[in-house]
Protein backbone atom coordinates (compact mmCIF):
# COMPACT_ATOMS: atom_id res chain seq x y z
CA MET A 1 185.39 62.12 144.17
CA LYS A 2 185.80 65.25 146.24
CA HIS A 3 182.97 66.41 148.48
CA ASP A 4 182.07 69.67 146.80
CA LEU A 5 179.26 71.03 144.63
CA THR A 6 180.49 69.08 141.59
CA HIS A 7 180.41 65.91 143.69
CA GLU A 8 176.78 66.60 144.60
CA PHE A 9 175.86 67.16 140.94
CA PHE A 10 177.45 63.90 139.87
CA LEU A 11 175.85 62.02 142.75
CA GLY A 12 172.45 63.19 141.48
CA PHE A 13 173.34 62.13 137.92
CA ILE A 14 174.41 58.72 139.17
CA LYS A 15 171.15 58.22 141.09
CA ILE A 16 169.13 59.13 137.98
CA HIS A 17 171.27 56.78 135.90
CA ILE A 18 170.64 53.96 138.39
CA LEU A 19 166.88 54.56 138.35
CA HIS A 20 166.91 54.66 134.55
CA HIS A 21 168.62 51.28 134.16
CA ALA A 22 166.68 49.65 136.99
CA ALA A 23 163.46 50.73 135.25
CA GLU A 24 164.57 48.95 132.07
CA GLN A 25 165.65 45.68 133.69
CA PRO A 26 166.81 44.28 137.04
CA VAL A 27 170.37 45.43 137.73
CA TYR A 28 173.06 44.42 140.22
CA GLY A 29 176.01 46.25 141.72
CA LEU A 30 178.92 45.07 139.58
CA TRP A 31 176.93 45.60 136.38
CA LEU A 32 176.12 49.16 137.50
CA ILE A 33 179.77 49.88 138.36
CA GLU A 34 180.76 48.75 134.86
CA GLU A 35 177.90 50.63 133.16
CA LEU A 36 178.61 53.84 135.03
CA GLY A 37 182.30 53.39 134.22
CA ARG A 38 181.43 53.45 130.51
CA HIS A 39 180.08 56.95 131.14
CA GLY A 40 183.18 58.12 132.97
CA TYR A 41 181.98 57.58 136.54
CA ARG A 42 184.50 55.64 138.62
CA LEU A 43 182.65 54.20 141.59
CA SER A 44 183.90 51.75 144.14
CA PRO A 45 181.57 49.23 145.76
CA GLY A 46 181.97 51.30 148.93
CA THR A 47 180.32 54.22 147.13
CA LEU A 48 177.74 52.37 145.03
CA TYR A 49 176.24 50.02 147.60
CA PRO A 50 175.35 52.74 150.13
CA LEU A 51 173.64 54.60 147.23
CA LEU A 52 171.65 51.50 146.31
CA HIS A 53 170.72 50.91 149.95
CA SER A 54 169.57 54.50 150.41
CA LEU A 55 167.47 54.37 147.21
CA GLU A 56 165.96 51.11 148.48
CA LYS A 57 165.32 52.54 151.95
CA GLU A 58 163.58 55.56 150.36
CA LYS A 59 161.44 53.11 148.29
CA TYR A 60 162.82 54.17 144.89
CA LEU A 61 164.27 50.70 144.35
CA LYS A 62 163.20 47.22 145.37
CA CYS A 63 165.77 44.49 145.95
CA GLN A 64 165.38 40.82 145.11
CA ASP A 65 167.91 38.12 145.97
CA ARG A 66 168.74 35.61 143.23
CA VAL A 67 171.07 32.64 143.38
CA ILE A 68 173.57 32.86 140.53
CA GLU A 69 176.17 30.10 140.27
CA GLY A 70 175.64 29.19 143.91
CA LYS A 71 175.99 32.78 145.18
CA ILE A 72 173.32 35.23 146.22
CA ARG A 73 173.23 38.33 144.04
CA LYS A 74 171.01 41.32 144.84
CA TYR A 75 169.04 42.64 141.88
CA TYR A 76 167.39 46.04 141.98
CA ARG A 77 164.29 47.25 140.13
CA THR A 78 162.75 50.70 140.10
CA THR A 79 159.50 50.92 142.09
CA ALA A 80 156.43 52.96 141.12
CA LYS A 81 157.81 55.77 143.31
CA GLY A 82 161.17 55.46 141.57
CA ARG A 83 159.58 55.57 138.09
CA LYS A 84 157.65 58.70 139.07
CA ALA A 85 160.81 60.35 140.40
CA LEU A 86 162.68 59.36 137.22
CA SER A 87 159.95 60.83 135.04
CA GLN A 88 160.03 64.09 136.98
CA ALA A 89 163.84 64.18 136.77
CA LYS A 90 163.71 63.65 132.99
CA ASP A 91 161.29 66.56 132.61
CA ARG A 92 163.53 68.82 134.67
CA ILE A 93 166.65 67.66 132.83
CA LYS A 94 165.05 68.49 129.47
CA GLU A 95 164.06 71.96 130.71
CA LEU A 96 167.51 72.62 132.20
CA ILE A 97 169.36 71.43 129.11
CA ALA A 98 167.20 73.62 126.87
CA GLU A 99 167.94 76.65 129.04
CA VAL A 100 171.63 76.03 129.64
CA MET A 101 172.45 75.05 126.06
CA SER A 102 170.53 77.88 124.36
């Protein structure tokens, strides 16, 4: 992705998408890469993991290590702060879509 205004828009969409799925169930990096890929976002681990770490650092996500087939996998869940931010984003998305698509 290029670093321009479109890049910034899509980065915001990706963060909202991450919060949405992490609010539904614990998610991990590879699953998110595949899920986002189904929506046309092509992210490398080098792009996704810094996003996850920043969302965790800002307390929007909480990470839990789980041992899966002898390997540690990091699962992420949306925190109360993350759910609040997601709710606010949904409200703003609805308002924006109504205005832009009218």
